[in-house]
Amino acid sequence: MNLPDLAELIALRGAARPLSLHTHRPALAQLQGGHRSAQRGRGLEFEEVRQYAAGDDARNIDWRVTARRGKVHTKLFREERERPVWLVLDLHAGLFFGSKRQLKSALLVRAAAMLAWVAAQGGDRVGAIITNGLGAPRIFQPRSREAGVLPILEYLIETQPHAPAVPQINGLFNALSILRPLLQPGSQILLVSDFAGLDLAVEDLLTIISTRSDCRLMWITDPLEANGLPDGSHYLGVPGKLWRMDGAQSRSAWLKVWQAREQQLNNMATRHNFPLSRLDTTDPVEERLITLLREPRWAA
C-alpha cells in the first residue's frame, strides 16, 4: 500500500472542483452570501442600523441609537463570505494499518486534502490543527485559496506515519484544547479521526466548541476492525512487541470491544446532533466524499 505524496494530494483539487460544503443552501443564502448563520455562531459583520420592524431579532436592537432617536432601531449584519473552516486531523501512528486498499493514515491524509480543496474552492478560509500523537499539535491559521491548503498538504506528507507504533491517546484532546480559543463564531469544524482517544473529556470539549461552531465528524475505519480476525493464527502488535492471536477464539471478545466503541461514538453524535460519517479503507476517497457531500445533512 503506497503512501500518498504531494503530487497526489494536489491532484485531488480536480476531483474536489464540482463539490461544495454548502451544496444544499437555500436560494436566499445564494443571494445574500455563501453561508447562513446559526445560533451556535453568527459569523456576521455589522453593516448598518435601521428602524425596527416586526419579526426582527430583539437581540440585535441598538439601544444607543434607539435612545438617541426615540424609536427602536436594530442592527443589520452581512454574512461573512470567507468562513473559517478548520480541519482537525488526528494523524497518529496507530493509523499505520489497513487490510484493504489503503492504510487508515493514507485515507485520513487523502480525505483531509480533498476537504481542504473543497473548502478553499468554495471561498472559505482553510485552517488546520494536526496531531500525530507524539508532540504538540501543529496549528495552521485559516487562509484563503492555495495559501491555506498547500502548507497543510506539505505537513501531512511530512508527518504521516511510516511505521506502526503505539500512539498517545491524548492527541485528540490536545488538538481540541488548542482549537477552542482560536475559533471565531460561525466557523466550521471537520474532525477526521479513528476516535481511539474518545473519552468524556474529548466529548466535553466538542460540546463546548459546537455551541459556536458547526462541528462534523468523520470516522476512519477498516473492515478488519469491525469483522475481527479471520480463522487461523495471527501475530499482532508493533515491532518489538508482538503477540499471537487465534482468529476464531478471539472473535467474540474482539467484536464486543469494537461494538462498544461504535456505540460510544454513535451515542455521542446523537446526544449532541453531530453529523457523523464513516470513511472506510475499502472506499476510494473521491467516490466516498462525492457521496458524502451531497447528503442533506451536509447542508450549510
Protein backbone atom coordinates (compact mmCIF):
# COMPACT_ATOMS: atom_id res chain seq x y z
CA MET A 1 0.00 0.00 0.00
CA ASN A 2 1.55 3.25 -1.17
CA LEU A 3 1.69 6.35 0.98
CA PRO A 4 0.23 9.46 -0.65
CA ASP A 5 2.68 12.08 -1.93
CA LEU A 6 2.28 15.80 -2.51
CA ALA A 7 1.56 15.42 -6.23
CA GLU A 8 -1.36 13.09 -5.47
CA LEU A 9 -2.82 15.46 -2.89
CA ILE A 10 -2.57 18.44 -5.24
CA ALA A 11 -4.24 16.39 -7.98
CA LEU A 12 -7.27 15.90 -5.72
CA ARG A 13 -8.10 19.54 -6.42
CA GLY A 14 -9.67 18.41 -9.69
CA ALA A 15 -11.90 15.83 -8.01
CA ALA A 16 -12.94 18.48 -5.44
CA ARG A 17 -13.90 21.10 -8.02
CA PRO A 18 -17.58 20.12 -8.51
CA LEU A 19 -18.17 19.62 -4.77
CA SER A 20 -19.24 22.04 -2.07
CA LEU A 21 -19.63 22.11 1.69
CA HIS A 22 -22.79 24.14 1.06
CA THR A 23 -24.48 22.21 -1.74
CA HIS A 24 -27.94 22.41 -0.19
CA ARG A 25 -28.02 26.01 0.96
CA PRO A 26 -31.34 27.82 0.42
CA ALA A 27 -31.77 30.17 -2.52
CA LEU A 28 -31.81 33.15 -0.13
CA ALA A 29 -28.31 32.26 1.01
CA GLN A 30 -27.08 32.34 -2.58
CA LEU A 31 -28.34 35.92 -2.88
CA GLN A 32 -27.04 37.17 0.45
CA GLY A 33 -23.72 35.39 0.66
CA GLY A 34 -22.20 31.97 0.99
CA HIS A 35 -23.34 30.98 4.46
CA ARG A 36 -26.45 31.13 6.60
CA SER A 37 -25.68 31.88 10.23
CA ALA A 38 -26.90 29.63 13.05
CA GLN A 39 -27.50 30.35 16.74
CA ARG A 40 -24.34 28.42 17.62
CA GLY A 41 -22.27 31.07 15.86
CA ARG A 42 -23.29 34.05 13.78
CA GLY A 43 -20.16 34.61 11.72
CA LEU A 44 -21.52 38.06 10.78
CA GLU A 45 -20.13 41.51 10.07
CA PHE A 46 -22.00 44.68 11.06
CA GLU A 47 -23.47 46.53 8.08
CA GLU A 48 -25.97 49.22 9.14
CA VAL A 49 -28.73 50.32 11.57
CA ARG A 50 -32.35 50.73 10.55
CA GLN A 51 -35.71 51.20 12.29
CA TYR A 52 -37.02 48.07 13.97
CA ALA A 53 -39.62 46.06 12.05
CA ALA A 54 -41.90 43.26 13.19
CA GLY A 55 -40.05 39.97 13.13
CA ASP A 56 -36.58 41.42 13.74
CA ASP A 57 -34.44 39.67 16.35
CA ALA A 58 -34.78 41.64 19.60
CA ARG A 59 -31.20 40.69 20.49
CA ASN A 60 -29.99 42.95 17.67
CA ILE A 61 -31.67 46.12 18.95
CA ASP A 62 -29.21 49.03 19.06
CA TRP A 63 -30.16 50.66 22.36
CA ARG A 64 -27.88 53.69 21.93
CA VAL A 65 -29.44 54.65 18.60
CA THR A 66 -32.89 53.86 19.99
CA ALA A 67 -32.36 56.22 22.93
CA ARG A 68 -30.96 58.97 20.71
CA ARG A 69 -33.70 58.86 18.05
CA GLY A 70 -36.67 57.96 20.25
CA LYS A 71 -37.64 54.98 18.07
CA VAL A 72 -36.47 51.40 18.25
CA HIS A 73 -33.64 50.62 15.82
CA THR A 74 -31.97 47.32 15.05
CA LYS A 75 -28.57 46.33 13.73
CA LEU A 76 -28.24 44.62 10.38
CA PHE A 77 -25.41 42.22 9.68
CA ARG A 78 -23.80 40.94 6.50
CA GLU A 79 -22.93 37.26 6.39
CA GLU A 80 -19.23 36.58 6.07
CA ARG A 81 -18.22 35.34 2.64
CA GLU A 82 -14.99 33.71 3.81
CA ARG A 83 -15.97 31.48 6.70
CA PRO A 84 -13.13 29.77 8.60
CA VAL A 85 -13.11 26.02 8.03
CA TRP A 86 -10.92 24.13 10.48
CA LEU A 87 -9.65 20.63 9.76
CA VAL A 88 -8.90 18.78 12.99
CA LEU A 89 -6.76 15.81 11.92
CA ASP A 90 -5.90 13.03 14.38
CA LEU A 91 -3.00 11.54 12.40
CA HIS A 92 -1.42 9.24 15.00
CA ALA A 93 0.85 6.23 14.44
CA GLY A 94 -1.93 3.78 15.25
CA LEU A 95 -3.42 4.59 11.84
CA PHE A 96 -0.49 2.88 10.10
CA PHE A 97 -2.71 -0.11 9.44
CA GLY A 98 -5.02 -1.26 6.68
CA SER A 99 -6.38 -4.59 5.45
CA LYS A 100 -7.96 -3.29 2.23
CA ARG A 101 -6.87 -0.86 -0.49
CA GLN A 102 -5.08 1.69 1.71
CA LEU A 103 -3.76 2.43 5.17
CA LYS A 104 -6.03 4.29 7.57
CA SER A 105 -3.39 7.01 7.78
CA ALA A 106 -3.35 7.34 3.98
CA LEU A 107 -7.15 7.56 3.92
CA LEU A 108 -7.09 10.35 6.51
CA VAL A 109 -4.46 12.28 4.55
CA ARG A 110 -6.34 11.93 1.27
CA ALA A 111 -9.68 12.86 2.81
CA ALA A 112 -8.16 15.90 4.52
CA ALA A 113 -6.61 17.08 1.26
CA MET A 114 -9.85 16.76 -0.66
CA LEU A 115 -11.88 18.50 2.05
CA ALA A 116 -9.34 21.33 2.13
CA TRP A 117 -9.65 21.82 -1.63
CA VAL A 118 -13.46 21.73 -1.46
CA ALA A 119 -13.48 24.41 1.23
CA ALA A 120 -10.92 26.65 -0.49
CA GLN A 121 -12.60 26.44 -3.88
CA GLY A 122 -15.90 27.30 -2.20
CA GLY A 123 -14.47 30.60 -0.96
CA ASP A 124 -13.77 29.54 2.63
CA ARG A 125 -10.56 30.14 4.57
CA VAL A 126 -8.92 26.83 5.45
CA GLY A 127 -7.02 26.17 8.65
CA ALA A 128 -5.96 23.02 10.46
CA ILE A 129 -4.93 21.54 13.79
CA ILE A 130 -2.89 18.39 13.11
CA THR A 131 -1.77 16.00 15.84
CA ASN A 132 0.47 12.99 15.30
CA GLY A 133 0.16 11.85 18.91
CA LEU A 134 3.86 12.49 19.60
CA GLY A 135 4.45 16.18 20.16
CA ALA A 136 2.35 19.32 20.36
CA PRO A 137 -0.32 19.64 17.64
CA ARG A 138 0.61 21.84 14.68
CA ILE A 139 -1.53 24.91 14.03
CA PHE A 140 -2.29 26.34 10.58
CA GLN A 141 -4.28 29.56 10.81
CA PRO A 142 -7.14 29.85 8.26
CA ARG A 143 -6.07 31.34 4.94
CA SER A 144 -7.72 31.66 1.55
CA ARG A 145 -7.16 29.65 -1.62
CA GLU A 146 -3.88 27.78 -2.21
CA ALA A 147 -2.14 29.75 0.54
CA GLY A 148 -4.36 27.97 3.05
CA VAL A 149 -4.25 24.49 1.52
CA LEU A 150 -0.67 23.87 0.37
CA PRO A 151 1.12 24.26 3.75
CA ILE A 152 -1.36 21.79 5.26
CA LEU A 153 -0.75 19.26 2.49
CA GLU A 154 3.02 19.59 2.81
CA TYR A 155 2.85 18.98 6.55
CA LEU A 156 0.55 15.98 6.13
CA ILE A 157 3.08 14.36 3.79
CA GLU A 158 5.89 15.15 6.20
CA THR A 159 4.17 13.91 9.37
CA GLN A 160 2.20 10.87 8.16
CA PRO A 161 3.38 7.70 9.93
CA HIS A 162 5.85 5.47 8.08
CA ALA A 163 5.77 2.56 10.51
CA PRO A 164 3.38 1.19 13.14
CA ALA A 165 3.78 2.39 16.70
CA VAL A 166 1.78 2.75 19.88
CA PRO A 167 0.05 6.15 19.72
CA GLN A 168 -0.50 8.57 22.56
CA ILE A 169 -4.24 8.61 23.19
CA ASN A 170 -4.41 12.25 24.29
CA GLY A 171 -3.66 13.72 20.86
CA LEU A 172 -7.30 14.44 20.02
CA PHE A 173 -7.91 16.13 23.37
CA ASN A 174 -4.80 18.29 22.92
CA ALA A 175 -5.86 19.31 19.40
CA LEU A 176 -9.35 20.36 20.52
CA SER A 177 -7.93 22.22 23.54
CA ILE A 178 -5.73 24.27 21.22
CA LEU A 179 -8.55 24.87 18.74
CA ARG A 180 -11.09 26.15 21.26
CA PRO A 181 -9.65 29.65 21.87
CA LEU A 182 -8.87 30.12 18.15
CA LEU A 183 -12.43 29.70 16.92
CA GLN A 184 -14.49 32.55 15.54
CA PRO A 185 -18.30 32.40 15.71
CA GLY A 186 -19.72 30.62 12.68
CA SER A 187 -16.64 28.51 11.96
CA GLN A 188 -16.99 25.03 10.56
CA ILE A 189 -15.01 22.15 12.06
CA LEU A 190 -14.31 18.96 10.13
CA LEU A 191 -12.90 16.43 12.59
CA VAL A 192 -11.23 13.39 10.97
CA SER A 193 -10.13 10.63 13.36
CA ASP A 194 -10.46 6.98 14.26
CA PHE A 195 -11.62 8.24 17.69
CA ALA A 196 -9.35 5.84 19.55
CA GLY A 197 -8.87 8.64 22.11
CA LEU A 198 -12.58 9.36 22.58
CA ASP A 199 -13.48 9.85 26.24
CA LEU A 200 -15.63 12.15 28.36
CA ALA A 201 -13.00 14.91 28.28
CA VAL A 202 -12.99 14.92 24.46
CA GLU A 203 -16.80 14.87 24.40
CA ASP A 204 -16.99 17.81 26.80
CA LEU A 205 -14.63 19.84 24.61
CA LEU A 206 -16.62 19.03 21.48
CA THR A 207 -19.81 20.06 23.25
CA ILE A 208 -18.35 23.45 24.20
CA ILE A 209 -16.88 24.02 20.75
CA SER A 210 -20.13 23.14 18.98
CA THR A 211 -22.07 25.89 20.79
CA ARG A 212 -20.44 28.46 18.49
CA SER A 213 -19.37 26.34 15.52
CA ASP A 214 -20.70 23.78 13.10
CA CYS A 215 -18.93 20.53 14.03
CA ARG A 216 -18.93 17.45 11.77
CA LEU A 217 -17.23 14.14 12.48
CA MET A 218 -15.58 11.71 10.05
CA TRP A 219 -14.67 8.30 11.41
CA ILE A 220 -11.73 6.45 9.83
CA THR A 221 -12.27 2.65 9.90
CA ASP A 222 -11.02 -0.61 8.41
CA PRO A 223 -13.17 -3.73 7.81
CA LEU A 224 -10.85 -5.91 9.90
CA GLU A 225 -11.72 -3.82 12.96
CA ALA A 226 -15.43 -4.39 12.52
CA ASN A 227 -15.26 -8.06 11.49
CA GLY A 228 -12.41 -9.44 13.59
CA LEU A 229 -9.51 -11.63 12.53
CA PRO A 230 -10.09 -14.44 10.06
CA ASP A 231 -9.72 -18.01 11.23
CA GLY A 232 -6.18 -19.15 11.90
CA SER A 233 -3.17 -17.94 13.85
CA HIS A 234 -2.00 -14.32 13.53
CA TYR A 235 0.69 -12.09 15.02
CA LEU A 236 -0.43 -8.63 16.13
CA GLY A 237 1.29 -5.60 17.60
CA VAL A 238 4.12 -3.25 16.75
CA PRO A 239 7.79 -4.02 16.06
CA GLY A 240 9.38 -5.41 19.20
CA LYS A 241 6.02 -6.10 20.82
CA LEU A 242 4.10 -8.84 19.00
CA TRP A 243 1.74 -11.46 20.33
CA ARG A 244 -0.02 -14.43 18.79
CA MET A 245 -3.81 -14.49 18.49
CA ASP A 246 -6.20 -17.09 17.15
CA GLY A 247 -8.87 -15.58 14.90
CA ALA A 248 -11.77 -17.87 15.78
CA GLN A 249 -11.10 -17.89 19.53
CA SER A 250 -10.64 -14.12 19.78
CA ARG A 251 -13.54 -13.05 17.57
CA SER A 252 -16.25 -12.80 20.21
CA ALA A 253 -14.20 -10.61 22.56
CA TRP A 254 -12.84 -8.61 19.62
CA LEU A 255 -16.31 -7.80 18.30
CA LYS A 256 -17.55 -6.90 21.77
CA VAL A 257 -14.82 -4.27 22.14
CA TRP A 258 -15.47 -2.89 18.66
CA GLN A 259 -19.22 -2.69 19.13
CA ALA A 260 -18.80 -0.85 22.42
CA ARG A 261 -16.56 1.71 20.74
CA GLU A 262 -19.01 2.09 17.85
CA GLN A 263 -21.92 2.56 20.27
CA GLN A 264 -19.98 5.14 22.28
CA LEU A 265 -19.29 7.25 19.20
CA ASN A 266 -22.83 6.95 17.83
CA ASN A 267 -24.33 7.86 21.20
CA MET A 268 -22.17 10.98 21.44
CA ALA A 269 -23.10 12.06 17.92
CA THR A 270 -26.79 11.55 18.67
CA ARG A 271 -26.70 13.38 22.00
CA HIS A 272 -25.11 16.48 20.51
CA ASN A 273 -26.54 16.31 16.99
CA PHE A 274 -23.12 15.93 15.34
CA PRO A 275 -23.28 14.71 11.75
CA LEU A 276 -21.17 11.53 11.80
CA SER A 277 -19.86 9.90 8.63
CA ARG A 278 -17.73 6.82 8.19
CA LEU A 279 -14.72 6.68 5.85
CA ASP A 280 -13.53 3.12 5.32
CA THR A 281 -10.23 1.97 3.82
CA THR A 282 -12.17 -0.03 1.23
CA ASP A 283 -13.57 3.16 -0.33
CA PRO A 284 -11.76 5.36 -2.88
CA VAL A 285 -11.75 8.71 -1.13
CA GLU A 286 -13.00 10.63 -4.18
CA GLU A 287 -16.08 8.43 -4.57
CA ARG A 288 -16.91 8.41 -0.86
CA LEU A 289 -16.66 12.17 -0.42
CA ILE A 290 -18.69 12.84 -3.55
CA THR A 291 -21.50 10.80 -1.98
CA LEU A 292 -21.00 12.28 1.47
CA LEU A 293 -21.01 15.94 0.47
CA ARG A 294 -24.25 15.51 -1.46
CA GLU A 295 -26.15 14.21 1.56
CA PRO A 296 -28.75 16.64 3.03
CA ARG A 297 -27.14 16.57 6.49
CA TRP A 298 -24.13 18.38 4.99
CA ALA A 299 -26.26 21.42 4.17
CA ALA A 300 -24.74 24.65 5.44
